[in-house]
Amino acid sequence: NLVNDPQVNAFCMPGGKIVVYEGLLPLVSSDDELAVVIGHEVAHAVAKHSNERMSQQLMAQYGAAILSAAVSNKSAAVYGVGAQYGVMLPFSRKHESEADYMGLVFMTMAGYNPDVAVNFWQKMSAGKSGSTPEFMSTHPSDATRIAEIQKVLPAIKTKYKK
């Protein structure tokens, strides 16, 4: 679904529905670049990342509730911070990296040019004001994402290009 909103974003909902905000479209200069975005979001759906995130969040909540009942609220707060930075955020970054890789495979198999992915993510990076340190983010840093894509592109093109 295309949503009339200036946000520069896209996401996949549980169940696989993909949403692209119109604000992303000025950064997309070709069908190949749109395939980068759609491939990434399809990868989230195929890998069932939203289901995994919900399970992780439930486990973290149950753990916090059990800990809170057993010890002081201060310890439960420390647990919450530890779970967020030690488990939840790295897990989300892993999902994003996995979706980047799988999305490149999907777009290549569908006949799109995966080489445009680096330029697309560079444009996404250039449009941001300020950046959150990677350890505090749900996504890999732009530099990490681009470096990983550059690293895997040759093998993907060799293996999956028609």
N, C-alpha and C. Protein backbone atom coordinates (compact mmCIF):
# COMPACT_ATOMS: atom_id res chain seq x y z
N ASN A 1 0.85 -1.18 0.00
CA ASN A 1 0.00 0.00 0.00
C ASN A 1 0.88 1.24 0.00
N LEU A 2 0.47 2.24 -0.75
CA LEU A 2 1.14 3.53 -0.77
C LEU A 2 0.33 4.48 0.09
N VAL A 3 1.01 5.11 1.06
CA VAL A 3 0.34 5.99 2.00
C VAL A 3 0.77 7.43 1.73
N ASN A 4 -0.22 8.31 1.66
CA ASN A 4 0.03 9.73 1.43
C ASN A 4 0.56 10.35 2.72
N ASP A 5 1.87 10.32 2.88
CA ASP A 5 2.53 10.81 4.09
C ASP A 5 3.96 11.18 3.71
N PRO A 6 4.48 12.29 4.22
CA PRO A 6 5.81 12.74 3.82
C PRO A 6 6.97 11.96 4.45
N GLN A 7 6.68 11.01 5.34
CA GLN A 7 7.76 10.24 5.95
C GLN A 7 8.56 9.51 4.88
N VAL A 8 9.85 9.42 5.11
CA VAL A 8 10.73 8.66 4.23
C VAL A 8 10.90 7.29 4.87
N ASN A 9 9.94 6.40 4.55
CA ASN A 9 9.93 5.12 5.24
C ASN A 9 9.06 4.11 4.49
N ALA A 10 9.25 2.86 4.84
CA ALA A 10 8.41 1.75 4.38
C ALA A 10 8.49 0.71 5.48
N PHE A 11 7.47 -0.14 5.58
CA PHE A 11 7.51 -1.19 6.58
C PHE A 11 6.59 -2.33 6.18
N CYS A 12 6.79 -3.45 6.86
CA CYS A 12 5.98 -4.64 6.64
C CYS A 12 5.22 -4.94 7.92
N MET A 13 3.91 -5.06 7.82
CA MET A 13 3.08 -5.35 8.99
C MET A 13 3.00 -6.86 9.19
N PRO A 14 2.66 -7.28 10.43
CA PRO A 14 2.41 -8.71 10.63
C PRO A 14 1.35 -9.19 9.62
N GLY A 15 1.59 -10.32 9.03
CA GLY A 15 0.69 -10.81 8.00
C GLY A 15 1.19 -10.52 6.60
N GLY A 16 2.22 -9.67 6.49
CA GLY A 16 2.87 -9.45 5.20
C GLY A 16 2.46 -8.23 4.40
N LYS A 17 1.51 -7.43 4.89
CA LYS A 17 1.13 -6.23 4.15
C LYS A 17 2.29 -5.23 4.21
N ILE A 18 2.63 -4.69 3.04
CA ILE A 18 3.75 -3.75 2.93
C ILE A 18 3.21 -2.35 2.71
N VAL A 19 3.78 -1.40 3.44
CA VAL A 19 3.38 0.00 3.35
C VAL A 19 4.59 0.81 2.93
N VAL A 20 4.40 1.65 1.93
CA VAL A 20 5.43 2.59 1.48
C VAL A 20 4.84 3.99 1.61
N TYR A 21 5.56 4.86 2.28
CA TYR A 21 5.13 6.25 2.39
C TYR A 21 5.56 7.03 1.15
N GLU A 22 4.70 7.96 0.70
CA GLU A 22 5.02 8.75 -0.48
C GLU A 22 6.30 9.55 -0.31
N GLY A 23 6.65 9.89 0.91
CA GLY A 23 7.88 10.64 1.16
C GLY A 23 9.14 9.91 0.71
N LEU A 24 9.06 8.60 0.54
CA LEU A 24 10.19 7.82 0.08
C LEU A 24 10.40 7.94 -1.43
N LEU A 25 9.32 8.21 -2.14
CA LEU A 25 9.37 8.17 -3.61
C LEU A 25 10.35 9.14 -4.26
N PRO A 26 10.56 10.35 -3.73
CA PRO A 26 11.56 11.22 -4.37
C PRO A 26 12.98 10.64 -4.36
N LEU A 27 13.26 9.70 -3.46
CA LEU A 27 14.58 9.07 -3.42
C LEU A 27 14.70 7.91 -4.39
N VAL A 28 13.57 7.46 -4.92
CA VAL A 28 13.53 6.31 -5.82
C VAL A 28 13.56 6.83 -7.25
N SER A 29 14.66 6.58 -7.95
CA SER A 29 14.78 7.13 -9.30
C SER A 29 14.61 6.07 -10.39
N SER A 30 14.28 4.83 -10.01
CA SER A 30 14.07 3.77 -11.01
C SER A 30 13.27 2.63 -10.39
N ASP A 31 12.77 1.77 -11.25
CA ASP A 31 12.09 0.57 -10.77
C ASP A 31 13.05 -0.29 -9.95
N ASP A 32 14.33 -0.31 -10.37
CA ASP A 32 15.33 -1.09 -9.64
C ASP A 32 15.46 -0.60 -8.20
N GLU A 33 15.46 0.72 -8.01
CA GLU A 33 15.59 1.26 -6.65
C GLU A 33 14.33 0.97 -5.83
N LEU A 34 13.17 1.01 -6.45
CA LEU A 34 11.95 0.65 -5.74
C LEU A 34 12.01 -0.84 -5.36
N ALA A 35 12.62 -1.66 -6.21
CA ALA A 35 12.77 -3.08 -5.92
C ALA A 35 13.67 -3.30 -4.70
N VAL A 36 14.61 -2.40 -4.44
CA VAL A 36 15.43 -2.50 -3.23
C VAL A 36 14.52 -2.41 -2.01
N VAL A 37 13.63 -1.43 -2.01
CA VAL A 37 12.73 -1.21 -0.88
C VAL A 37 11.73 -2.36 -0.75
N ILE A 38 11.06 -2.69 -1.84
CA ILE A 38 10.04 -3.74 -1.80
C ILE A 38 10.67 -5.09 -1.47
N GLY A 39 11.83 -5.38 -2.07
CA GLY A 39 12.52 -6.64 -1.76
C GLY A 39 12.85 -6.76 -0.29
N HIS A 40 13.32 -5.66 0.30
CA HIS A 40 13.65 -5.62 1.73
C HIS A 40 12.41 -5.92 2.57
N GLU A 41 11.31 -5.28 2.23
CA GLU A 41 10.07 -5.48 3.01
C GLU A 41 9.47 -6.87 2.79
N VAL A 42 9.53 -7.38 1.56
CA VAL A 42 9.08 -8.75 1.29
C VAL A 42 9.92 -9.73 2.12
N ALA A 43 11.20 -9.46 2.23
CA ALA A 43 12.08 -10.33 3.02
C ALA A 43 11.63 -10.37 4.48
N HIS A 44 11.25 -9.21 5.03
CA HIS A 44 10.71 -9.21 6.40
C HIS A 44 9.49 -10.11 6.50
N ALA A 45 8.61 -10.06 5.49
CA ALA A 45 7.39 -10.87 5.51
C ALA A 45 7.74 -12.36 5.41
N VAL A 46 8.60 -12.71 4.46
CA VAL A 46 8.96 -14.12 4.24
C VAL A 46 9.65 -14.69 5.48
N ALA A 47 10.51 -13.90 6.11
CA ALA A 47 11.24 -14.37 7.30
C ALA A 47 10.40 -14.28 8.58
N LYS A 48 9.20 -13.71 8.46
CA LYS A 48 8.30 -13.57 9.61
C LYS A 48 8.95 -12.82 10.77
N HIS A 49 9.66 -11.76 10.42
CA HIS A 49 10.34 -10.95 11.44
C HIS A 49 9.37 -10.32 12.43
N SER A 50 8.21 -9.88 11.97
CA SER A 50 7.27 -9.24 12.91
C SER A 50 6.80 -10.24 13.96
N ASN A 51 6.61 -11.49 13.57
CA ASN A 51 6.22 -12.52 14.55
C ASN A 51 7.33 -12.74 15.57
N GLU A 52 8.57 -12.79 15.09
CA GLU A 52 9.69 -12.99 16.00
C GLU A 52 9.82 -11.82 16.97
N ARG A 53 9.62 -10.59 16.47
CA ARG A 53 9.71 -9.41 17.34
C ARG A 53 8.64 -9.45 18.42
N MET A 54 7.42 -9.82 18.04
CA MET A 54 6.35 -9.89 19.04
C MET A 54 6.68 -10.94 20.10
N SER A 55 7.21 -12.08 19.70
CA SER A 55 7.58 -13.12 20.65
C SER A 55 8.68 -12.63 21.58
N GLN A 56 9.68 -11.97 21.04
CA GLN A 56 10.77 -11.43 21.86
C GLN A 56 10.24 -10.40 22.86
N GLN A 57 9.36 -9.53 22.40
CA GLN A 57 8.81 -8.50 23.29
C GLN A 57 7.99 -9.13 24.42
N LEU A 58 7.20 -10.14 24.10
CA LEU A 58 6.43 -10.83 25.13
C LEU A 58 7.34 -11.49 26.15
N MET A 59 8.38 -12.14 25.67
CA MET A 59 9.32 -12.79 26.59
C MET A 59 10.00 -11.76 27.49
N ALA A 60 10.39 -10.63 26.94
CA ALA A 60 11.02 -9.58 27.73
C ALA A 60 10.05 -9.03 28.77
N GLN A 61 8.79 -8.85 28.39
CA GLN A 61 7.78 -8.36 29.33
C GLN A 61 7.53 -9.36 30.45
N TYR A 62 7.40 -10.64 30.11
CA TYR A 62 7.21 -11.66 31.13
C TYR A 62 8.41 -11.72 32.07
N GLY A 63 9.60 -11.65 31.49
CA GLY A 63 10.82 -11.67 32.31
C GLY A 63 10.85 -10.50 33.28
N ALA A 64 10.48 -9.32 32.80
CA ALA A 64 10.47 -8.13 33.66
C ALA A 64 9.42 -8.27 34.76
N ALA A 65 8.25 -8.80 34.44
CA ALA A 65 7.20 -8.97 35.43
C ALA A 65 7.62 -9.97 36.51
N ILE A 66 8.22 -11.06 36.10
CA ILE A 66 8.67 -12.07 37.06
C ILE A 66 9.77 -11.49 37.94
N LEU A 67 10.73 -10.81 37.33
CA LEU A 67 11.83 -10.21 38.09
C LEU A 67 11.30 -9.15 39.05
N SER A 68 10.37 -8.35 38.59
CA SER A 68 9.79 -7.29 39.42
C SER A 68 9.10 -7.87 40.65
N ALA A 69 8.42 -8.99 40.47
CA ALA A 69 7.73 -9.63 41.59
C ALA A 69 8.73 -10.23 42.58
N ALA A 70 9.87 -10.66 42.07
CA ALA A 70 10.84 -11.34 42.92
C ALA A 70 11.84 -10.41 43.60
N VAL A 71 12.14 -9.27 42.97
CA VAL A 71 13.16 -8.36 43.52
C VAL A 71 12.64 -6.93 43.51
N SER A 72 13.54 -6.01 43.76
CA SER A 72 13.15 -4.60 43.81
C SER A 72 12.85 -4.05 42.43
N ASN A 73 12.11 -2.96 42.41
CA ASN A 73 11.81 -2.29 41.14
C ASN A 73 13.07 -1.79 40.45
N LYS A 74 14.09 -1.45 41.24
CA LYS A 74 15.35 -0.97 40.67
C LYS A 74 16.00 -2.07 39.83
N SER A 75 16.00 -3.30 40.34
CA SER A 75 16.56 -4.42 39.59
C SER A 75 15.76 -4.69 38.32
N ALA A 76 14.45 -4.56 38.41
CA ALA A 76 13.60 -4.77 37.23
C ALA A 76 13.88 -3.72 36.17
N ALA A 77 14.15 -2.48 36.60
CA ALA A 77 14.47 -1.42 35.65
C ALA A 77 15.79 -1.71 34.96
N VAL A 78 16.77 -2.19 35.72
CA VAL A 78 18.07 -2.56 35.13
C VAL A 78 17.87 -3.69 34.13
N TYR A 79 17.03 -4.66 34.47
CA TYR A 79 16.71 -5.76 33.55
C TYR A 79 16.13 -5.20 32.26
N GLY A 80 15.20 -4.26 32.38
CA GLY A 80 14.55 -3.68 31.20
C GLY A 80 15.55 -3.02 30.28
N VAL A 81 16.47 -2.26 30.84
CA VAL A 81 17.51 -1.60 30.03
C VAL A 81 18.41 -2.65 29.40
N GLY A 82 18.80 -3.65 30.19
CA GLY A 82 19.66 -4.72 29.67
C GLY A 82 18.99 -5.49 28.55
N ALA A 83 17.72 -5.80 28.73
CA ALA A 83 16.99 -6.54 27.69
C ALA A 83 16.88 -5.72 26.42
N GLN A 84 16.63 -4.42 26.58
CA GLN A 84 16.49 -3.55 25.41
C GLN A 84 17.80 -3.47 24.62
N TYR A 85 18.90 -3.12 25.30
CA TYR A 85 20.17 -2.90 24.61
C TYR A 85 20.95 -4.18 24.36
N GLY A 86 20.71 -5.20 25.17
CA GLY A 86 21.47 -6.43 25.02
C GLY A 86 20.80 -7.49 24.16
N VAL A 87 19.47 -7.41 24.02
CA VAL A 87 18.75 -8.44 23.26
C VAL A 87 17.89 -7.84 22.15
N MET A 88 16.96 -6.96 22.52
CA MET A 88 15.96 -6.48 21.56
C MET A 88 16.57 -5.71 20.39
N LEU A 89 17.40 -4.71 20.67
CA LEU A 89 17.95 -3.90 19.58
C LEU A 89 18.92 -4.70 18.70
N PRO A 90 19.84 -5.49 19.27
CA PRO A 90 20.69 -6.30 18.38
C PRO A 90 19.87 -7.28 17.53
N PHE A 91 18.79 -7.81 18.11
CA PHE A 91 17.92 -8.73 17.39
C PHE A 91 17.27 -8.01 16.21
N SER A 92 16.81 -6.77 16.42
CA SER A 92 16.20 -5.99 15.35
C SER A 92 17.23 -5.67 14.26
N ARG A 93 18.45 -5.32 14.66
CA ARG A 93 19.49 -5.04 13.66
C ARG A 93 19.79 -6.29 12.84
N LYS A 94 19.77 -7.46 13.48
CA LYS A 94 19.98 -8.72 12.76
C LYS A 94 18.87 -8.92 11.72
N HIS A 95 17.63 -8.63 12.10
CA HIS A 95 16.51 -8.74 11.15
C HIS A 95 16.71 -7.81 9.97
N GLU A 96 17.13 -6.59 10.23
CA GLU A 96 17.33 -5.62 9.15
C GLU A 96 18.42 -6.09 8.20
N SER A 97 19.52 -6.58 8.74
CA SER A 97 20.61 -7.07 7.88
C SER A 97 20.15 -8.28 7.07
N GLU A 98 19.41 -9.16 7.71
CA GLU A 98 18.88 -10.33 7.02
C GLU A 98 17.92 -9.90 5.90
N ALA A 99 17.07 -8.92 6.17
CA ALA A 99 16.13 -8.43 5.15
C ALA A 99 16.87 -7.74 4.01
N ASP A 100 17.96 -7.04 4.32
CA ASP A 100 18.77 -6.45 3.25
C ASP A 100 19.29 -7.54 2.32
N TYR A 101 19.87 -8.58 2.89
CA TYR A 101 20.44 -9.67 2.10
C TYR A 101 19.36 -10.38 1.28
N MET A 102 18.30 -10.81 1.96
CA MET A 102 17.24 -11.54 1.27
C MET A 102 16.57 -10.67 0.21
N GLY A 103 16.39 -9.39 0.52
CA GLY A 103 15.79 -8.46 -0.45
C GLY A 103 16.62 -8.35 -1.71
N LEU A 104 17.95 -8.33 -1.55
CA LEU A 104 18.84 -8.29 -2.72
C LEU A 104 18.70 -9.57 -3.54
N VAL A 105 18.60 -10.70 -2.86
CA VAL A 105 18.41 -11.97 -3.56
C VAL A 105 17.09 -11.95 -4.33
N PHE A 106 16.01 -11.55 -3.66
CA PHE A 106 14.69 -11.53 -4.31
C PHE A 106 14.68 -10.60 -5.52
N MET A 107 15.22 -9.39 -5.37
CA MET A 107 15.17 -8.45 -6.49
C MET A 107 16.03 -8.94 -7.65
N THR A 108 17.15 -9.58 -7.35
CA THR A 108 18.02 -10.12 -8.40
C THR A 108 17.32 -11.25 -9.14
N MET A 109 16.68 -12.14 -8.38
CA MET A 109 15.95 -13.26 -9.01
C MET A 109 14.79 -12.75 -9.86
N ALA A 110 14.22 -11.61 -9.48
CA ALA A 110 13.10 -11.05 -10.23
C ALA A 110 13.56 -10.25 -11.45
N GLY A 111 14.88 -10.15 -11.65
CA GLY A 111 15.40 -9.48 -12.84
C GLY A 111 15.77 -8.02 -12.65
N TYR A 112 15.74 -7.52 -11.42
CA TYR A 112 16.14 -6.14 -11.15
C TYR A 112 17.64 -6.08 -10.90
N ASN A 113 18.21 -4.89 -11.04
CA ASN A 113 19.64 -4.69 -10.90
C ASN A 113 20.00 -4.40 -9.44
N PRO A 114 20.65 -5.34 -8.74
CA PRO A 114 20.97 -5.14 -7.33
C PRO A 114 22.07 -4.10 -7.10
N ASP A 115 22.81 -3.76 -8.14
CA ASP A 115 23.89 -2.77 -7.99
C ASP A 115 23.37 -1.41 -7.53
N VAL A 116 22.10 -1.12 -7.78
CA VAL A 116 21.54 0.19 -7.40
C VAL A 116 21.34 0.29 -5.89
N ALA A 117 21.41 -0.82 -5.18
CA ALA A 117 21.14 -0.81 -3.73
C ALA A 117 22.11 0.10 -2.99
N VAL A 118 23.37 0.06 -3.34
CA VAL A 118 24.36 0.89 -2.65
C VAL A 118 24.02 2.37 -2.82
N ASN A 119 23.76 2.78 -4.03
CA ASN A 119 23.41 4.18 -4.29
C ASN A 119 22.11 4.57 -3.57
N PHE A 120 21.12 3.67 -3.59
CA PHE A 120 19.86 3.97 -2.92
C PHE A 120 20.09 4.20 -1.42
N TRP A 121 20.82 3.29 -0.76
CA TRP A 121 21.04 3.44 0.69
C TRP A 121 21.92 4.65 0.99
N GLN A 122 22.80 5.01 0.06
CA GLN A 122 23.58 6.25 0.24
C GLN A 122 22.66 7.46 0.20
N LYS A 123 21.70 7.46 -0.71
CA LYS A 123 20.72 8.56 -0.76
C LYS A 123 19.88 8.60 0.51
N MET A 124 19.49 7.44 1.00
CA MET A 124 18.72 7.39 2.26
C MET A 124 19.56 7.98 3.40
N SER A 125 20.82 7.64 3.42
CA SER A 125 21.71 8.12 4.48
C SER A 125 21.89 9.63 4.40
N ALA A 126 22.04 10.15 3.20
CA ALA A 126 22.27 11.59 3.01
C ALA A 126 21.07 12.41 3.44
N GLY A 127 19.88 11.85 3.39
CA GLY A 127 18.67 12.58 3.73
C GLY A 127 18.39 12.67 5.22
N LYS A 128 19.21 12.02 6.04
CA LYS A 128 18.95 11.99 7.48
C LYS A 128 19.65 13.16 8.17
N SER A 129 18.98 13.66 9.19
CA SER A 129 19.60 14.70 10.02
C SER A 129 20.00 14.07 11.34
N GLY A 130 21.29 14.02 11.61
CA GLY A 130 21.77 13.40 12.83
C GLY A 130 21.61 11.89 12.76
N SER A 131 22.32 11.20 13.62
CA SER A 131 22.18 9.75 13.62
C SER A 131 22.26 9.22 15.04
N THR A 132 21.54 8.16 15.27
CA THR A 132 21.55 7.49 16.56
C THR A 132 22.70 6.50 16.56
N PRO A 133 23.45 6.39 17.66
CA PRO A 133 24.50 5.36 17.69
C PRO A 133 23.90 3.99 17.40
N GLU A 134 24.65 3.17 16.68
CA GLU A 134 24.12 1.88 16.24
C GLU A 134 23.61 1.03 17.40
N PHE A 135 24.31 1.01 18.54
CA PHE A 135 23.89 0.16 19.65
C PHE A 135 22.54 0.58 20.24
N MET A 136 22.08 1.81 19.92
CA MET A 136 20.79 2.30 20.42
C MET A 136 19.70 2.24 19.36
N SER A 137 20.00 1.68 18.21
CA SER A 137 19.09 1.72 17.07
C SER A 137 18.54 0.34 16.72
N THR A 138 17.35 0.33 16.11
CA THR A 138 16.77 -0.91 15.61
C THR A 138 17.38 -1.30 14.26
N HIS A 139 18.11 -0.38 13.64
CA HIS A 139 18.69 -0.62 12.32
C HIS A 139 20.21 -0.53 12.39
N PRO A 140 20.91 -1.24 11.50
CA PRO A 140 22.36 -1.05 11.43
C PRO A 140 22.64 0.39 11.02
N SER A 141 23.82 0.86 11.35
CA SER A 141 24.19 2.20 10.89
C SER A 141 24.22 2.19 9.36
N ASP A 142 24.10 3.37 8.78
CA ASP A 142 24.14 3.46 7.31
C ASP A 142 25.45 2.90 6.77
N ALA A 143 26.54 3.22 7.43
CA ALA A 143 27.86 2.74 6.97
C ALA A 143 27.93 1.22 7.04
N THR A 144 27.42 0.63 8.13
CA THR A 144 27.42 -0.83 8.26
C THR A 144 26.55 -1.47 7.19
N ARG A 145 25.38 -0.93 6.99
CA ARG A 145 24.45 -1.47 5.99
C ARG A 145 25.08 -1.43 4.59
N ILE A 146 25.63 -0.30 4.22
CA ILE A 146 26.22 -0.15 2.88
C ILE A 146 27.43 -1.07 2.71
N ALA A 147 28.27 -1.16 3.74
CA ALA A 147 29.45 -2.05 3.66
C ALA A 147 29.03 -3.51 3.50
N GLU A 148 28.00 -3.93 4.24
CA GLU A 148 27.51 -5.30 4.13
C GLU A 148 26.95 -5.58 2.73
N ILE A 149 26.21 -4.63 2.21
CA ILE A 149 25.64 -4.80 0.86
C ILE A 149 26.77 -4.92 -0.16
N GLN A 150 27.77 -4.05 -0.05
CA GLN A 150 28.90 -4.11 -0.98
C GLN A 150 29.62 -5.45 -0.88
N LYS A 151 29.69 -6.00 0.32
CA LYS A 151 30.38 -7.27 0.55
C LYS A 151 29.64 -8.44 -0.09
N VAL A 152 28.31 -8.46 -0.01
CA VAL A 152 27.54 -9.62 -0.48
C VAL A 152 27.09 -9.52 -1.94
N LEU A 153 27.12 -8.31 -2.51
CA LEU A 153 26.62 -8.14 -3.89
C LEU A 153 27.28 -9.05 -4.92
N PRO A 154 28.61 -9.17 -4.94
CA PRO A 154 29.20 -10.03 -5.99
C PRO A 154 28.69 -11.47 -5.95
N ALA A 155 28.58 -12.05 -4.75
CA ALA A 155 28.11 -13.44 -4.64
C ALA A 155 26.64 -13.55 -5.05
N ILE A 156 25.83 -12.58 -4.66
CA ILE A 156 24.42 -12.60 -5.02
C ILE A 156 24.25 -12.52 -6.53
N LYS A 157 25.00 -11.62 -7.16
CA LYS A 157 24.89 -11.49 -8.63
C LYS A 157 25.35 -12.76 -9.33
N THR A 158 26.40 -13.37 -8.83
CA THR A 158 26.91 -14.60 -9.44
C THR A 158 25.90 -15.74 -9.29
N LYS A 159 25.30 -15.85 -8.14
CA LYS A 159 24.43 -16.98 -7.85
C LYS A 159 23.00 -16.82 -8.37
N TYR A 160 22.47 -15.58 -8.35
CA TYR A 160 21.03 -15.41 -8.60
C TYR A 160 20.67 -14.64 -9.86
N LYS A 161 21.63 -14.01 -10.53
CA LYS A 161 21.30 -13.23 -11.71
C LYS A 161 20.92 -14.16 -12.85
N LYS A 162 19.83 -13.78 -13.55
CA LYS A 162 19.33 -14.60 -14.66
C LYS A 162 20.22 -14.46 -15.87
